N, C-alpha and C. Protein backbone atom coordinates (compact mmCIF):
# COMPACT_ATOMS: atom_id res chain seq x y z
N UNK A 1 0.83 -2.21 37.69
CA UNK A 1 1.88 -2.63 38.59
C UNK A 1 3.20 -1.95 38.23
N UNK A 2 3.49 -1.82 36.94
CA UNK A 2 4.73 -1.19 36.53
C UNK A 2 4.75 0.30 36.83
N UNK A 3 3.58 0.90 36.99
CA UNK A 3 3.50 2.33 37.26
C UNK A 3 4.22 2.69 38.55
N UNK A 4 4.20 1.83 39.55
CA UNK A 4 4.87 2.16 40.80
C UNK A 4 6.39 2.14 40.67
N UNK A 5 6.91 1.54 39.60
CA UNK A 5 8.35 1.55 39.34
C UNK A 5 8.74 2.66 38.37
N UNK A 6 7.78 3.52 38.06
CA UNK A 6 8.06 4.63 37.17
C UNK A 6 7.88 4.28 35.70
N UNK A 7 7.38 3.10 35.41
CA UNK A 7 7.15 2.68 34.03
C UNK A 7 5.65 2.69 33.80
N UNK A 8 5.23 3.51 32.88
CA UNK A 8 3.81 3.56 32.56
C UNK A 8 3.55 2.65 31.38
N UNK A 9 2.55 1.83 31.50
CA UNK A 9 2.21 0.98 30.36
C UNK A 9 1.08 1.65 29.58
N UNK A 10 1.25 1.64 28.29
CA UNK A 10 0.22 2.19 27.42
C UNK A 10 -0.56 1.01 26.88
N UNK A 11 -1.81 0.99 27.20
CA UNK A 11 -2.63 -0.12 26.78
C UNK A 11 -3.27 0.20 25.43
N UNK A 12 -3.30 -0.78 24.56
CA UNK A 12 -3.97 -0.62 23.28
C UNK A 12 -5.04 -1.70 23.19
N UNK A 13 -6.05 -1.38 22.45
CA UNK A 13 -7.15 -2.32 22.31
C UNK A 13 -6.67 -3.59 21.62
N UNK A 14 -7.16 -4.71 22.08
CA UNK A 14 -6.83 -5.97 21.43
C UNK A 14 -7.65 -6.07 20.15
N UNK A 15 -6.98 -6.40 19.09
CA UNK A 15 -7.65 -6.63 17.82
C UNK A 15 -7.26 -8.00 17.31
N UNK A 16 -8.19 -8.68 16.69
CA UNK A 16 -7.87 -9.96 16.06
C UNK A 16 -6.89 -9.69 14.92
N UNK A 17 -6.17 -10.73 14.53
CA UNK A 17 -5.11 -10.59 13.53
C UNK A 17 -5.57 -9.85 12.27
N UNK A 18 -6.68 -10.24 11.62
CA UNK A 18 -7.09 -9.53 10.40
C UNK A 18 -7.45 -8.07 10.65
N UNK A 19 -8.05 -7.79 11.80
CA UNK A 19 -8.41 -6.40 12.13
C UNK A 19 -7.17 -5.55 12.38
N UNK A 20 -6.19 -6.12 13.09
CA UNK A 20 -4.95 -5.39 13.35
C UNK A 20 -4.21 -5.14 12.04
N UNK A 21 -4.22 -6.14 11.17
CA UNK A 21 -3.56 -5.99 9.86
C UNK A 21 -4.21 -4.86 9.07
N UNK A 22 -5.54 -4.79 9.07
CA UNK A 22 -6.24 -3.70 8.38
C UNK A 22 -5.87 -2.35 9.00
N UNK A 23 -5.77 -2.32 10.33
CA UNK A 23 -5.39 -1.07 11.00
C UNK A 23 -3.98 -0.65 10.58
N UNK A 24 -3.06 -1.61 10.53
CA UNK A 24 -1.69 -1.30 10.14
C UNK A 24 -1.62 -0.84 8.68
N UNK A 25 -2.37 -1.49 7.81
CA UNK A 25 -2.38 -1.09 6.40
C UNK A 25 -2.98 0.31 6.22
N UNK A 26 -3.99 0.62 7.01
CA UNK A 26 -4.59 1.97 6.93
C UNK A 26 -3.57 3.02 7.39
N UNK A 27 -2.85 2.73 8.46
CA UNK A 27 -1.83 3.66 8.94
C UNK A 27 -0.69 3.77 7.92
N UNK A 28 -0.32 2.65 7.31
CA UNK A 28 0.74 2.68 6.29
C UNK A 28 0.30 3.51 5.09
N UNK A 29 -0.96 3.40 4.70
CA UNK A 29 -1.47 4.19 3.58
C UNK A 29 -1.43 5.68 3.90
N UNK A 30 -1.74 6.03 5.13
CA UNK A 30 -1.69 7.44 5.53
C UNK A 30 -0.26 7.97 5.46
N UNK A 31 0.69 7.21 6.01
CA UNK A 31 2.08 7.65 6.02
C UNK A 31 2.61 7.75 4.59
N UNK A 32 2.43 6.70 3.80
CA UNK A 32 2.95 6.68 2.43
C UNK A 32 2.24 7.70 1.55
N UNK A 33 0.94 7.86 1.76
CA UNK A 33 0.19 8.82 0.95
C UNK A 33 0.57 10.25 1.25
N UNK A 34 0.91 10.53 2.49
CA UNK A 34 1.26 11.89 2.88
C UNK A 34 2.74 12.20 2.65
N UNK A 35 3.60 11.22 2.93
CA UNK A 35 5.04 11.48 2.92
C UNK A 35 5.81 10.74 1.83
N UNK A 36 5.17 9.81 1.13
CA UNK A 36 5.84 9.02 0.10
C UNK A 36 6.33 7.69 0.64
N UNK A 37 6.57 6.78 -0.28
CA UNK A 37 6.99 5.43 0.11
C UNK A 37 8.35 5.41 0.80
N UNK A 38 9.23 6.30 0.43
CA UNK A 38 10.56 6.29 1.05
C UNK A 38 10.49 6.61 2.54
N UNK A 39 9.45 7.28 2.97
CA UNK A 39 9.31 7.63 4.39
C UNK A 39 8.56 6.55 5.18
N UNK A 40 8.06 5.54 4.48
CA UNK A 40 7.35 4.45 5.16
C UNK A 40 8.36 3.43 5.64
N UNK A 41 8.58 3.41 6.94
CA UNK A 41 9.49 2.45 7.56
C UNK A 41 8.70 1.63 8.57
N UNK A 42 9.28 0.54 8.99
CA UNK A 42 8.62 -0.30 9.99
C UNK A 42 8.46 0.47 11.30
N UNK A 43 9.51 1.18 11.71
CA UNK A 43 9.44 1.97 12.94
C UNK A 43 8.44 3.11 12.81
N UNK A 44 8.43 3.76 11.64
CA UNK A 44 7.48 4.84 11.41
C UNK A 44 6.04 4.35 11.41
N UNK A 45 5.82 3.17 10.84
CA UNK A 45 4.48 2.59 10.85
C UNK A 45 4.06 2.26 12.28
N UNK A 46 4.96 1.69 13.05
CA UNK A 46 4.65 1.36 14.45
C UNK A 46 4.24 2.62 15.21
N UNK A 47 4.98 3.68 15.01
CA UNK A 47 4.68 4.94 15.70
C UNK A 47 3.33 5.49 15.24
N UNK A 48 3.09 5.50 13.92
CA UNK A 48 1.83 6.04 13.39
C UNK A 48 0.62 5.22 13.85
N UNK A 49 0.81 3.92 13.98
CA UNK A 49 -0.30 3.04 14.37
C UNK A 49 -0.43 2.91 15.89
N UNK A 50 0.57 3.40 16.62
CA UNK A 50 0.52 3.31 18.08
C UNK A 50 0.74 1.90 18.60
N UNK A 51 1.62 1.16 17.91
CA UNK A 51 1.92 -0.21 18.31
C UNK A 51 3.44 -0.39 18.36
N UNK A 52 3.88 -1.55 18.77
CA UNK A 52 5.31 -1.83 18.83
C UNK A 52 5.82 -2.27 17.46
N UNK A 53 7.12 -2.11 17.25
CA UNK A 53 7.72 -2.60 16.00
C UNK A 53 7.58 -4.10 15.90
N UNK A 54 7.67 -4.79 17.03
CA UNK A 54 7.54 -6.24 17.02
C UNK A 54 6.19 -6.64 16.44
N UNK A 55 5.14 -5.93 16.82
CA UNK A 55 3.81 -6.25 16.30
C UNK A 55 3.76 -6.01 14.79
N UNK A 56 4.39 -4.96 14.31
CA UNK A 56 4.44 -4.69 12.87
C UNK A 56 5.14 -5.85 12.16
N UNK A 57 6.26 -6.32 12.72
CA UNK A 57 6.99 -7.43 12.11
C UNK A 57 6.22 -8.75 12.18
N UNK A 58 5.30 -8.89 13.10
CA UNK A 58 4.47 -10.09 13.14
C UNK A 58 3.53 -10.14 11.93
N UNK A 59 3.19 -8.99 11.39
CA UNK A 59 2.28 -8.92 10.25
C UNK A 59 3.02 -8.82 8.91
N UNK A 60 4.19 -8.20 8.91
CA UNK A 60 4.95 -7.97 7.69
C UNK A 60 6.41 -8.29 7.97
N UNK A 61 6.98 -9.31 7.32
CA UNK A 61 8.35 -9.70 7.65
C UNK A 61 9.41 -8.67 7.30
N UNK A 62 9.12 -7.82 6.30
CA UNK A 62 10.08 -6.78 5.92
C UNK A 62 9.34 -5.65 5.20
N UNK A 63 10.07 -4.62 4.89
CA UNK A 63 9.47 -3.43 4.27
C UNK A 63 8.88 -3.74 2.89
N UNK A 64 9.56 -4.56 2.12
CA UNK A 64 9.06 -4.90 0.79
C UNK A 64 7.70 -5.62 0.89
N UNK A 65 7.57 -6.51 1.85
CA UNK A 65 6.29 -7.21 2.04
C UNK A 65 5.21 -6.23 2.48
N UNK A 66 5.58 -5.29 3.33
CA UNK A 66 4.63 -4.26 3.76
C UNK A 66 4.13 -3.45 2.57
N UNK A 67 5.04 -3.00 1.73
CA UNK A 67 4.66 -2.20 0.57
C UNK A 67 3.81 -3.03 -0.40
N UNK A 68 4.21 -4.26 -0.65
CA UNK A 68 3.44 -5.14 -1.54
C UNK A 68 2.02 -5.32 -1.02
N UNK A 69 1.88 -5.63 0.25
CA UNK A 69 0.55 -5.83 0.83
C UNK A 69 -0.26 -4.55 0.86
N UNK A 70 0.41 -3.43 1.06
CA UNK A 70 -0.28 -2.13 1.03
C UNK A 70 -0.85 -1.87 -0.37
N UNK A 71 -0.05 -2.14 -1.39
CA UNK A 71 -0.51 -1.92 -2.76
C UNK A 71 -1.67 -2.85 -3.12
N UNK A 72 -1.57 -4.09 -2.71
CA UNK A 72 -2.67 -5.03 -2.96
C UNK A 72 -3.93 -4.53 -2.27
N UNK A 73 -3.78 -4.08 -1.03
CA UNK A 73 -4.92 -3.58 -0.27
C UNK A 73 -5.54 -2.35 -0.92
N UNK A 74 -4.70 -1.41 -1.34
CA UNK A 74 -5.22 -0.13 -1.87
C UNK A 74 -5.72 -0.22 -3.30
N UNK A 75 -5.15 -1.12 -4.11
CA UNK A 75 -5.44 -1.08 -5.53
C UNK A 75 -6.12 -2.33 -6.09
N UNK A 76 -6.44 -3.30 -5.27
CA UNK A 76 -7.08 -4.50 -5.81
C UNK A 76 -8.46 -4.19 -6.36
N UNK A 77 -9.20 -3.30 -5.74
CA UNK A 77 -10.53 -2.94 -6.26
C UNK A 77 -10.39 -2.24 -7.61
N UNK A 78 -9.41 -1.36 -7.74
CA UNK A 78 -9.17 -0.69 -9.02
C UNK A 78 -8.79 -1.70 -10.08
N UNK A 79 -7.91 -2.63 -9.74
CA UNK A 79 -7.48 -3.65 -10.69
C UNK A 79 -8.66 -4.52 -11.12
N UNK A 80 -9.52 -4.89 -10.18
CA UNK A 80 -10.71 -5.68 -10.51
C UNK A 80 -11.63 -4.92 -11.46
N UNK A 81 -11.79 -3.62 -11.22
CA UNK A 81 -12.65 -2.80 -12.07
C UNK A 81 -12.09 -2.71 -13.48
N UNK A 82 -10.79 -2.52 -13.59
CA UNK A 82 -10.16 -2.46 -14.91
C UNK A 82 -10.29 -3.81 -15.61
N UNK A 83 -10.08 -4.90 -14.88
CA UNK A 83 -10.20 -6.23 -15.47
C UNK A 83 -11.62 -6.49 -15.95
N UNK A 84 -12.62 -6.13 -15.16
CA UNK A 84 -14.01 -6.36 -15.59
C UNK A 84 -14.36 -5.47 -16.77
N UNK A 85 -13.81 -4.27 -16.81
CA UNK A 85 -14.03 -3.38 -17.96
C UNK A 85 -13.41 -3.98 -19.21
N UNK A 86 -12.23 -4.59 -19.06
CA UNK A 86 -11.56 -5.22 -20.20
C UNK A 86 -12.38 -6.40 -20.71
N UNK A 87 -12.93 -7.20 -19.79
CA UNK A 87 -13.77 -8.33 -20.22
C UNK A 87 -15.02 -7.85 -20.93
N UNK A 88 -15.59 -6.74 -20.45
CA UNK A 88 -16.83 -6.23 -21.04
C UNK A 88 -16.60 -5.66 -22.43
N UNK A 89 -15.42 -5.09 -22.67
CA UNK A 89 -15.17 -4.47 -23.97
C UNK A 89 -14.47 -5.41 -24.94
N UNK A 90 -14.13 -6.60 -24.48
CA UNK A 90 -13.51 -7.58 -25.37
C UNK A 90 -12.04 -7.31 -25.59
N UNK A 91 -11.57 -7.67 -26.78
CA UNK A 91 -10.14 -7.60 -27.09
C UNK A 91 -9.62 -6.17 -27.09
N UNK A 92 -10.50 -5.20 -27.31
CA UNK A 92 -10.05 -3.82 -27.38
C UNK A 92 -9.53 -3.32 -26.03
N UNK A 93 -9.95 -3.93 -24.96
CA UNK A 93 -9.51 -3.51 -23.63
C UNK A 93 -10.24 -2.27 -23.18
N UNK A 94 -10.04 -1.86 -21.94
CA UNK A 94 -10.73 -0.67 -21.44
C UNK A 94 -10.22 0.57 -22.18
N UNK A 95 -11.09 1.49 -22.38
CA UNK A 95 -10.67 2.70 -23.09
C UNK A 95 -9.75 3.52 -22.20
N UNK A 96 -8.96 4.34 -22.84
CA UNK A 96 -8.07 5.22 -22.10
C UNK A 96 -8.88 6.15 -21.21
N UNK A 97 -10.04 6.55 -21.69
CA UNK A 97 -10.89 7.44 -20.90
C UNK A 97 -11.34 6.76 -19.61
N UNK A 98 -11.77 5.50 -19.72
CA UNK A 98 -12.20 4.76 -18.52
C UNK A 98 -11.03 4.62 -17.55
N UNK A 99 -9.86 4.28 -18.07
CA UNK A 99 -8.68 4.12 -17.22
C UNK A 99 -8.35 5.42 -16.50
N UNK A 100 -8.39 6.53 -17.24
CA UNK A 100 -8.09 7.83 -16.62
C UNK A 100 -9.13 8.21 -15.59
N UNK A 101 -10.39 7.95 -15.88
CA UNK A 101 -11.45 8.25 -14.91
C UNK A 101 -11.26 7.45 -13.63
N UNK A 102 -10.88 6.19 -13.76
CA UNK A 102 -10.65 5.36 -12.58
C UNK A 102 -9.47 5.90 -11.77
N UNK A 103 -8.41 6.26 -12.44
CA UNK A 103 -7.24 6.79 -11.74
C UNK A 103 -7.56 8.11 -11.04
N UNK A 104 -8.28 8.99 -11.73
CA UNK A 104 -8.61 10.29 -11.14
C UNK A 104 -9.61 10.17 -10.00
N UNK A 105 -10.36 9.07 -9.97
CA UNK A 105 -11.33 8.86 -8.89
C UNK A 105 -10.66 8.38 -7.61
N UNK A 106 -9.40 7.95 -7.71
CA UNK A 106 -8.68 7.53 -6.51
C UNK A 106 -8.45 8.73 -5.60
N UNK A 107 -8.42 8.50 -4.29
CA UNK A 107 -8.05 9.59 -3.38
C UNK A 107 -6.64 10.08 -3.72
N UNK A 108 -6.38 11.34 -3.45
CA UNK A 108 -5.07 11.94 -3.77
C UNK A 108 -3.93 11.16 -3.12
N UNK A 109 -4.12 10.67 -1.92
CA UNK A 109 -3.04 9.94 -1.25
C UNK A 109 -2.73 8.63 -1.98
N UNK A 110 -3.76 7.97 -2.54
CA UNK A 110 -3.52 6.74 -3.30
C UNK A 110 -2.83 7.04 -4.62
N UNK A 111 -3.19 8.13 -5.28
CA UNK A 111 -2.52 8.52 -6.52
C UNK A 111 -1.05 8.81 -6.24
N UNK A 112 -0.79 9.48 -5.13
CA UNK A 112 0.59 9.79 -4.74
C UNK A 112 1.36 8.50 -4.47
N UNK A 113 0.75 7.57 -3.79
CA UNK A 113 1.37 6.28 -3.47
C UNK A 113 1.71 5.53 -4.75
N UNK A 114 0.78 5.45 -5.67
CA UNK A 114 0.99 4.74 -6.92
C UNK A 114 2.09 5.41 -7.74
N UNK A 115 2.05 6.71 -7.86
CA UNK A 115 3.08 7.46 -8.60
C UNK A 115 4.45 7.25 -7.95
N UNK A 116 4.48 7.28 -6.64
CA UNK A 116 5.74 7.11 -5.92
C UNK A 116 6.36 5.74 -6.22
N UNK A 117 5.54 4.70 -6.26
CA UNK A 117 6.08 3.37 -6.54
C UNK A 117 6.48 3.23 -8.00
N UNK A 118 5.65 3.71 -8.91
CA UNK A 118 5.98 3.57 -10.33
C UNK A 118 7.28 4.27 -10.69
N UNK A 119 7.61 5.33 -9.99
CA UNK A 119 8.88 6.01 -10.23
C UNK A 119 10.08 5.15 -9.83
N UNK A 120 9.86 4.20 -8.94
CA UNK A 120 10.95 3.34 -8.46
C UNK A 120 11.46 2.42 -9.56
N UNK A 121 10.66 2.12 -10.56
CA UNK A 121 11.09 1.24 -11.63
C UNK A 121 12.23 1.85 -12.43
N UNK A 122 12.35 3.17 -12.39
CA UNK A 122 13.42 3.85 -13.11
C UNK A 122 14.75 3.81 -12.35
N UNK A 123 14.72 3.39 -11.10
CA UNK A 123 15.92 3.32 -10.28
C UNK A 123 16.18 1.85 -9.92
N UNK A 124 16.92 1.12 -10.77
CA UNK A 124 17.07 -0.33 -10.58
C UNK A 124 17.65 -0.74 -9.23
N UNK A 125 18.46 0.11 -8.61
CA UNK A 125 19.08 -0.29 -7.35
C UNK A 125 18.18 -0.05 -6.13
N UNK A 126 17.05 0.60 -6.33
CA UNK A 126 16.13 0.86 -5.21
C UNK A 126 15.54 -0.47 -4.73
N UNK A 127 15.33 -0.60 -3.42
CA UNK A 127 14.84 -1.85 -2.85
C UNK A 127 13.45 -2.23 -3.36
N UNK A 128 12.68 -1.28 -3.83
CA UNK A 128 11.33 -1.56 -4.33
C UNK A 128 11.26 -1.61 -5.85
N UNK A 129 12.41 -1.57 -6.53
CA UNK A 129 12.43 -1.51 -7.99
C UNK A 129 11.76 -2.73 -8.62
N UNK A 130 12.01 -3.92 -8.08
CA UNK A 130 11.41 -5.12 -8.66
C UNK A 130 9.89 -5.09 -8.53
N UNK A 131 9.41 -4.69 -7.37
CA UNK A 131 7.97 -4.57 -7.16
C UNK A 131 7.38 -3.51 -8.09
N UNK A 132 8.08 -2.40 -8.25
CA UNK A 132 7.60 -1.34 -9.14
C UNK A 132 7.55 -1.81 -10.58
N UNK A 133 8.54 -2.58 -11.00
CA UNK A 133 8.56 -3.09 -12.36
C UNK A 133 7.39 -4.03 -12.61
N UNK A 134 7.11 -4.91 -11.68
CA UNK A 134 5.96 -5.82 -11.81
C UNK A 134 4.66 -5.03 -11.91
N UNK A 135 4.52 -4.02 -11.06
CA UNK A 135 3.30 -3.21 -11.09
C UNK A 135 3.18 -2.46 -12.40
N UNK A 136 4.27 -1.86 -12.85
CA UNK A 136 4.25 -1.12 -14.11
C UNK A 136 3.86 -2.04 -15.26
N UNK A 137 4.43 -3.25 -15.32
CA UNK A 137 4.09 -4.20 -16.38
C UNK A 137 2.62 -4.60 -16.32
N UNK A 138 2.10 -4.75 -15.12
CA UNK A 138 0.69 -5.11 -14.97
C UNK A 138 -0.22 -3.98 -15.46
N UNK A 139 0.12 -2.76 -15.11
CA UNK A 139 -0.67 -1.61 -15.55
C UNK A 139 -0.65 -1.52 -17.07
N UNK A 140 0.52 -1.67 -17.67
CA UNK A 140 0.64 -1.61 -19.12
C UNK A 140 -0.16 -2.74 -19.76
N UNK A 141 -0.04 -3.94 -19.22
CA UNK A 141 -0.76 -5.09 -19.76
C UNK A 141 -2.27 -4.91 -19.67
N UNK A 142 -2.74 -4.41 -18.53
CA UNK A 142 -4.18 -4.24 -18.31
C UNK A 142 -4.78 -3.13 -19.16
N UNK A 143 -4.05 -2.03 -19.27
CA UNK A 143 -4.64 -0.82 -19.81
C UNK A 143 -4.28 -0.52 -21.25
N UNK A 144 -3.43 -1.32 -21.83
CA UNK A 144 -3.08 -1.03 -23.23
C UNK A 144 -3.66 -2.11 -24.12
N UNK A 145 -3.90 -1.76 -25.35
CA UNK A 145 -4.46 -2.73 -26.28
C UNK A 145 -3.35 -3.53 -26.92
């Protein structure tokens, strides 16, 4: 109907909330993995995912929440593997070799994403510095004896 007024509507497939969230996180991972976390914006994610900014904000209240959820999505399996390795080896914790193998097995875009965030801990005024510090402390706690 809007087409006759010169407005074309772009229809997108309806996805249930969890499916749309997964789609948005996948698009966010692509943007952040290719261009870095600083280039991941709500508007940029909306454009990359082919959705409205309003829809992005329905899933993530702000950029920090988006980045936090992206990291949980991308690295929870790695964290679980490191934790199970630590339980299996006892108090000694996972070996440095196992930790390095796990990190190197990540896709290049995920390694870039992780490196990009960990660098933020060195810049206290950066909006993601607190999240980066928490992640860095967790990595040190998990992977060091």
